[in-house]
Amino acid sequence: MRAVFLLLAVGTALPAGVIKDVRDATARNDFATADAAIASYRKTQGVTPEMLEAQSWLARGAFSAKKLDAAEAYAKKTLTESLSALKQHPLDSERYLPIAIGASIEVEGQVLAARGRRAEALEFLRAQLETYKKSSLRPRIQKNIHLLSLEGKAAPALKIADFLGPKPPSLQSLRGKTVVLFFWAHWCGDCKQEAPILARLEKEFAGRLVLIAPTQHYGYVARGEEAPKNVERAYIEQTRLTLYSDIAKAPAPLSEENFEVWGVSTTPTIVMLDAKGIVRLYHPGRMLYEELRAAIEKTMAS
């Protein structure tokens, strides 16, 4: 069930109730309304995992609005209350607490980095990673560590023992070429939109650019129906050959460990390595054609 809760942390459907109210208000930078929604819910329902996720959106909204003091305060409060809630709701036993805790940790790290305290942010995030390394929070925390420290460093190894499509080469064997890693999920709409862009660029830079498309099991197939790995594997392959047909010739390592090591809590995640195997781009989320082409040209010129 761990993978199911991981998806819920990054899914696209907006939940009803206090979470939606807070997300809508913070999107308008209306923090008074968001605060009021949480206060009203807290008064009638108490401190619940759902309320804590809503409160974590206040932290994220405040950070986006560059209100660092408020973001830090919301994040700390949410984390403290979430840790208390873990006594009644074990982590990864329901959908809201992992999101609340993960977002709180993320925002605290972001605030420290935004204040110019990058080393302190990394120390904080690494301590949290040690605490939650056996939970669904590991990729999210690792993502934030990578955002602060991975670019300019040698790429971690990529597990390639299990795969779909052609056998993946090792990253070591690809020295001399620019490599794009496209981490995707069978359920991810943004990934499906990114695939034609990658196919176009692979063609434009033929012979100089190598595309590898890692993915993983999530524990379910269409419409969220739970499935064992062998059934899901067949479903992933079908999805890859149909909805990702533009890049079906790219090797697709199949490994949950890759997603944990590379910090892939957001799909797509795009990583670019230069000819020496150094990470030059680490980007959770979609990229436009123009952005990605510019990054490739910059990497090839480095």
Protein backbone atom coordinates (compact mmCIF):
# COMPACT_ATOMS: atom_id res chain seq x y z
CA MET A 1 0.00 0.00 0.00
CA ARG A 2 2.98 2.34 0.38
CA ALA A 3 3.02 3.15 -3.33
CA VAL A 4 -0.67 4.04 -3.31
CA PHE A 5 -0.15 6.68 -0.64
CA LEU A 6 2.86 7.99 -2.54
CA LEU A 7 0.63 8.61 -5.56
CA LEU A 8 -1.97 10.32 -3.44
CA ALA A 9 0.74 12.73 -2.31
CA VAL A 10 1.30 13.91 -5.87
CA GLY A 11 -2.05 13.17 -7.50
CA THR A 12 -3.97 15.75 -9.47
CA ALA A 13 -7.45 15.47 -8.00
CA LEU A 14 -8.32 18.16 -5.48
CA PRO A 15 -9.94 16.82 -2.30
CA ALA A 16 -13.15 18.43 -1.11
CA GLY A 17 -13.55 20.34 2.14
CA VAL A 18 -10.95 22.19 4.15
CA ILE A 19 -8.00 21.21 1.95
CA LYS A 20 -9.64 22.60 -1.18
CA ASP A 21 -10.75 25.73 0.67
CA VAL A 22 -7.21 26.40 1.88
CA ARG A 23 -5.61 25.64 -1.46
CA ASP A 24 -8.01 27.94 -3.26
CA ALA A 25 -7.45 30.75 -0.75
CA THR A 26 -3.66 30.50 -0.75
CA ALA A 27 -3.64 30.46 -4.56
CA ARG A 28 -5.21 33.94 -4.29
CA ASN A 29 -2.72 34.93 -1.56
CA ASP A 30 -5.74 35.25 0.73
CA PHE A 31 -4.15 33.90 3.88
CA ALA A 32 -6.79 35.36 6.18
CA THR A 33 -9.48 33.23 4.55
CA ALA A 34 -7.23 30.17 4.62
CA ASP A 35 -6.48 30.71 8.32
CA ALA A 36 -10.19 31.14 9.04
CA ALA A 37 -11.05 27.90 7.22
CA ILE A 38 -8.55 25.97 9.32
CA ALA A 39 -9.65 27.63 12.57
CA SER A 40 -13.29 26.80 11.84
CA TYR A 41 -12.47 23.19 11.01
CA ARG A 42 -10.25 22.83 14.07
CA LYS A 43 -13.03 24.17 16.32
CA THR A 44 -15.58 21.61 15.15
CA GLN A 45 -13.47 18.62 14.11
CA GLY A 46 -10.27 18.99 16.11
CA VAL A 47 -6.79 18.24 14.81
CA THR A 48 -7.21 15.62 12.11
CA PRO A 49 -4.81 14.42 9.39
CA GLU A 50 -6.97 16.22 6.81
CA MET A 51 -6.68 19.49 8.70
CA LEU A 52 -2.93 19.04 8.99
CA GLU A 53 -2.59 18.62 5.24
CA ALA A 54 -4.64 21.78 4.77
CA GLN A 55 -2.34 23.60 7.18
CA SER A 56 0.67 22.38 5.22
CA TRP A 57 -0.77 24.13 2.17
CA LEU A 58 -0.67 27.35 4.17
CA ALA A 59 3.05 26.80 4.66
CA ARG A 60 3.56 26.17 0.96
CA GLY A 61 1.45 29.15 -0.03
CA ALA A 62 3.28 31.47 2.33
CA PHE A 63 6.63 30.32 0.97
CA SER A 64 5.49 30.88 -2.62
CA ALA A 65 4.41 34.38 -1.59
CA LYS A 66 7.90 34.93 -0.09
CA LYS A 67 6.46 35.27 3.41
CA LEU A 68 9.31 33.33 4.97
CA ASP A 69 8.49 33.93 8.62
CA ALA A 70 4.88 32.84 8.13
CA ALA A 71 5.92 29.84 6.04
CA GLU A 72 8.35 28.71 8.73
CA ALA A 73 5.76 29.15 11.48
CA TYR A 74 3.09 27.18 9.59
CA ALA A 75 5.57 24.44 8.73
CA LYS A 76 6.83 24.05 12.29
CA LYS A 77 3.32 24.02 13.72
CA THR A 78 2.15 21.45 11.17
CA LEU A 79 5.14 19.20 11.78
CA THR A 80 4.75 19.34 15.57
CA GLU A 81 1.04 18.54 15.40
CA SER A 82 1.59 15.85 12.77
CA LEU A 83 4.14 14.07 14.95
CA SER A 84 1.58 14.06 17.75
CA ALA A 85 -1.07 12.69 15.36
CA LEU A 86 1.23 9.80 14.48
CA LYS A 87 0.37 8.30 17.88
CA GLN A 88 -3.16 7.60 16.56
CA HIS A 89 -2.45 7.36 12.83
CA PRO A 90 0.74 5.48 11.87
CA LEU A 91 2.58 7.04 8.95
CA ASP A 92 1.45 5.69 5.57
CA SER A 93 -1.71 4.21 7.09
CA GLU A 94 -3.85 6.96 5.49
CA ARG A 95 -3.43 9.63 2.83
CA TYR A 96 -3.13 12.97 4.64
CA LEU A 97 -0.35 12.70 7.22
CA PRO A 98 2.43 11.80 4.77
CA ILE A 99 1.55 14.88 2.73
CA ALA A 100 1.42 17.13 5.81
CA ILE A 101 4.73 15.91 7.19
CA GLY A 102 6.48 15.88 3.83
CA ALA A 103 5.34 19.40 2.99
CA SER A 104 6.36 20.71 6.41
CA ILE A 105 9.85 19.27 6.08
CA GLU A 106 10.11 20.59 2.53
CA VAL A 107 9.10 24.12 3.49
CA GLU A 108 11.45 24.25 6.50
CA GLY A 109 14.32 23.28 4.24
CA GLN A 110 13.28 25.78 1.57
CA VAL A 111 13.04 28.59 4.09
CA LEU A 112 16.54 27.90 5.41
CA ALA A 113 17.94 27.84 1.87
CA ALA A 114 16.08 31.03 0.93
CA ARG A 115 17.72 32.76 3.89
CA GLY A 116 21.14 31.79 2.60
CA ARG A 117 21.58 28.95 5.07
CA ARG A 118 22.00 26.15 2.53
CA ALA A 119 24.37 24.07 4.66
CA GLU A 120 21.92 24.21 7.55
CA ALA A 121 19.05 23.30 5.21
CA LEU A 122 20.95 20.25 3.97
CA GLU A 123 21.80 19.20 7.52
CA PHE A 124 18.12 19.46 8.49
CA LEU A 125 16.92 17.54 5.41
CA ARG A 126 19.51 14.79 5.84
CA ALA A 127 18.46 14.32 9.46
CA GLN A 128 14.83 14.02 8.35
CA LEU A 129 15.83 11.57 5.64
CA GLU A 130 17.47 9.37 8.25
CA THR A 131 14.27 9.46 10.30
CA TYR A 132 11.93 8.66 7.41
CA LYS A 133 14.14 6.60 5.11
CA LYS A 134 11.87 3.55 5.43
CA SER A 135 8.66 5.43 4.64
CA SER A 136 6.98 6.95 1.60
CA LEU A 137 8.58 10.28 2.56
CA ARG A 138 12.05 9.18 1.45
CA PRO A 139 11.75 10.27 -2.21
CA ARG A 140 10.30 13.66 -1.30
CA ILE A 141 12.99 14.48 1.21
CA GLN A 142 15.68 13.18 -1.14
CA LYS A 143 14.26 15.38 -3.89
CA ASN A 144 14.77 18.47 -1.73
CA ILE A 145 18.31 17.42 -0.89
CA HIS A 146 19.05 16.96 -4.59
CA LEU A 147 17.54 20.34 -5.45
CA LEU A 148 20.09 21.95 -3.15
CA SER A 149 23.12 19.80 -3.87
CA LEU A 150 22.98 17.39 -6.83
CA GLU A 151 23.78 19.66 -9.78
CA GLY A 152 27.51 19.73 -10.40
CA LYS A 153 28.06 16.32 -8.81
CA ALA A 154 28.54 12.86 -10.27
CA ALA A 155 25.27 11.09 -10.99
CA PRO A 156 24.16 8.32 -8.64
CA ALA A 157 24.10 4.83 -10.10
CA LEU A 158 20.97 3.72 -11.91
CA LYS A 159 19.53 0.25 -11.22
CA ILE A 160 19.06 -1.46 -14.58
CA ALA A 161 18.63 -5.15 -13.74
CA ASP A 162 14.88 -5.07 -14.45
CA PHE A 163 13.62 -3.10 -17.42
CA LEU A 164 11.11 -2.68 -20.22
CA GLY A 165 12.15 -2.20 -23.83
CA PRO A 166 15.79 -2.52 -24.86
CA LYS A 167 18.39 -3.33 -22.22
CA PRO A 168 19.52 -0.10 -20.55
CA PRO A 169 23.22 0.81 -20.73
CA SER A 170 25.00 1.76 -17.53
CA LEU A 171 25.51 5.47 -16.98
CA GLN A 172 29.25 4.82 -16.84
CA SER A 173 29.17 3.41 -20.39
CA LEU A 174 27.53 6.58 -21.71
CA ARG A 175 30.44 8.89 -20.97
CA GLY A 176 31.03 11.13 -23.96
CA LYS A 177 27.32 11.71 -24.58
CA THR A 178 24.67 13.91 -23.01
CA VAL A 179 22.14 11.78 -21.14
CA VAL A 180 18.56 12.69 -20.27
CA LEU A 181 16.80 10.65 -17.60
CA PHE A 182 13.02 10.92 -17.83
CA PHE A 183 11.37 9.53 -14.69
CA TRP A 184 7.71 8.82 -15.46
CA ALA A 185 4.65 7.03 -14.12
CA HIS A 186 1.97 5.12 -15.99
CA TRP A 187 -0.77 7.32 -14.46
CA CYS A 188 0.98 10.68 -15.01
CA GLY A 189 -0.72 13.10 -17.41
CA ASP A 190 2.20 15.55 -17.43
CA CYS A 191 4.55 12.70 -18.35
CA LYS A 192 2.43 11.84 -21.37
CA GLN A 193 2.65 15.46 -22.53
CA GLU A 194 6.43 15.53 -22.03
CA ALA A 195 7.14 12.39 -24.07
CA PRO A 196 6.65 13.96 -27.55
CA ILE A 197 8.96 16.83 -26.57
CA LEU A 198 11.67 14.38 -25.58
CA ALA A 199 11.18 12.40 -28.78
CA ARG A 200 11.58 15.58 -30.85
CA LEU A 201 14.77 16.54 -29.04
CA GLU A 202 16.18 13.03 -29.26
CA LYS A 203 15.74 13.23 -33.03
CA GLU A 204 17.23 16.73 -33.27
CA PHE A 205 20.32 15.71 -31.29
CA ALA A 206 20.61 12.22 -32.78
CA GLY A 207 23.93 10.57 -32.02
CA ARG A 208 24.77 13.05 -29.26
CA LEU A 209 21.85 12.58 -26.87
CA VAL A 210 20.78 9.40 -25.06
CA LEU A 211 17.33 9.12 -23.49
CA ILE A 212 16.64 6.69 -20.64
CA ALA A 213 13.14 6.50 -19.16
CA PRO A 214 13.05 4.96 -15.67
CA THR A 215 9.72 4.06 -14.11
CA GLN A 216 8.44 2.00 -11.18
CA HIS A 217 5.57 -0.07 -9.83
CA TYR A 218 2.84 1.78 -7.91
CA GLY A 219 0.68 -1.14 -6.80
CA TYR A 220 -2.29 -0.55 -9.09
CA VAL A 221 -3.42 -0.27 -12.70
CA ALA A 222 -6.24 1.65 -14.41
CA ARG A 223 -8.75 3.48 -12.18
CA GLY A 224 -6.62 2.79 -9.12
CA GLU A 225 -7.38 -0.94 -9.10
CA GLU A 226 -4.84 -2.70 -6.92
CA ALA A 227 -2.68 -5.19 -8.78
CA PRO A 228 0.28 -7.49 -8.07
CA LYS A 229 3.58 -6.61 -9.70
CA ASN A 230 3.27 -9.04 -12.60
CA VAL A 231 -0.11 -7.61 -13.57
CA GLU A 232 1.03 -4.04 -13.15
CA ARG A 233 4.18 -4.73 -15.13
CA ALA A 234 2.08 -5.87 -18.11
CA TYR A 235 -0.07 -2.76 -17.73
CA ILE A 236 2.97 -0.47 -17.62
CA GLU A 237 4.32 -2.11 -20.76
CA GLN A 238 1.01 -1.65 -22.55
CA THR A 239 0.90 1.99 -21.48
CA ARG A 240 4.49 2.52 -22.57
CA LEU A 241 3.86 1.11 -26.04
CA THR A 242 0.65 3.08 -26.59
CA LEU A 243 0.59 6.35 -24.65
CA TYR A 244 4.40 6.70 -24.71
CA SER A 245 4.92 5.36 -28.22
CA ASP A 246 7.05 8.39 -29.18
CA ILE A 247 9.79 7.21 -26.82
CA ALA A 248 9.08 3.46 -26.77
CA LYS A 249 12.60 2.75 -28.09
CA ALA A 250 14.15 4.31 -24.99
CA PRO A 251 15.27 1.82 -22.32
CA ALA A 252 12.96 1.88 -19.30
CA PRO A 253 14.59 0.60 -16.08
CA LEU A 254 11.89 -0.64 -13.70
CA SER A 255 12.89 0.00 -10.10
CA GLU A 256 11.40 1.60 -6.99
CA GLU A 257 14.93 2.08 -5.67
CA ASN A 258 15.78 4.40 -8.57
CA PHE A 259 12.92 6.67 -7.57
CA GLU A 260 14.09 6.70 -3.95
CA VAL A 261 17.77 7.33 -4.72
CA TRP A 262 17.01 10.03 -7.29
CA GLY A 263 14.32 11.65 -5.12
CA VAL A 264 11.47 11.24 -7.56
CA SER A 265 8.35 12.23 -5.63
CA THR A 266 7.24 14.38 -8.58
CA THR A 267 6.60 12.99 -12.05
CA PRO A 268 7.92 13.73 -14.46
CA THR A 269 11.38 14.40 -13.09
CA ILE A 270 13.99 15.26 -15.70
CA VAL A 271 17.71 14.90 -15.04
CA MET A 272 20.50 15.76 -17.46
CA LEU A 273 24.08 14.48 -17.34
CA ASP A 274 26.99 15.88 -19.27
CA ALA A 275 29.63 13.88 -21.17
CA LYS A 276 31.54 13.28 -17.92
CA GLY A 277 28.53 11.93 -16.04
CA ILE A 278 28.02 15.11 -14.02
CA VAL A 279 24.47 16.23 -13.23
CA ARG A 280 23.79 19.54 -14.98
CA LEU A 281 20.02 19.66 -14.51
CA TYR A 282 17.72 18.27 -11.85
CA HIS A 283 14.15 19.32 -12.55
CA PRO A 284 11.03 17.89 -10.85
CA GLY A 285 8.06 18.67 -13.10
CA ARG A 286 7.38 19.33 -16.75
CA MET A 287 9.65 21.34 -19.04
CA LEU A 288 8.70 23.12 -22.24
CA TYR A 289 10.50 22.29 -25.48
CA GLU A 290 12.36 25.61 -25.47
CA GLU A 291 13.52 25.17 -21.86
CA LEU A 292 14.73 21.64 -22.39
CA ARG A 293 16.47 22.40 -25.67
CA ALA A 294 18.30 25.33 -24.06
CA ALA A 295 19.40 23.07 -21.19
CA ILE A 296 20.68 20.43 -23.63
CA GLU A 297 22.66 23.00 -25.62
CA LYS A 298 24.14 24.43 -22.43
CA THR A 299 25.09 20.97 -21.18
CA MET A 300 26.71 20.01 -24.47
CA ALA A 301 28.73 23.23 -24.44
CA SER A 302 29.98 22.70 -20.88
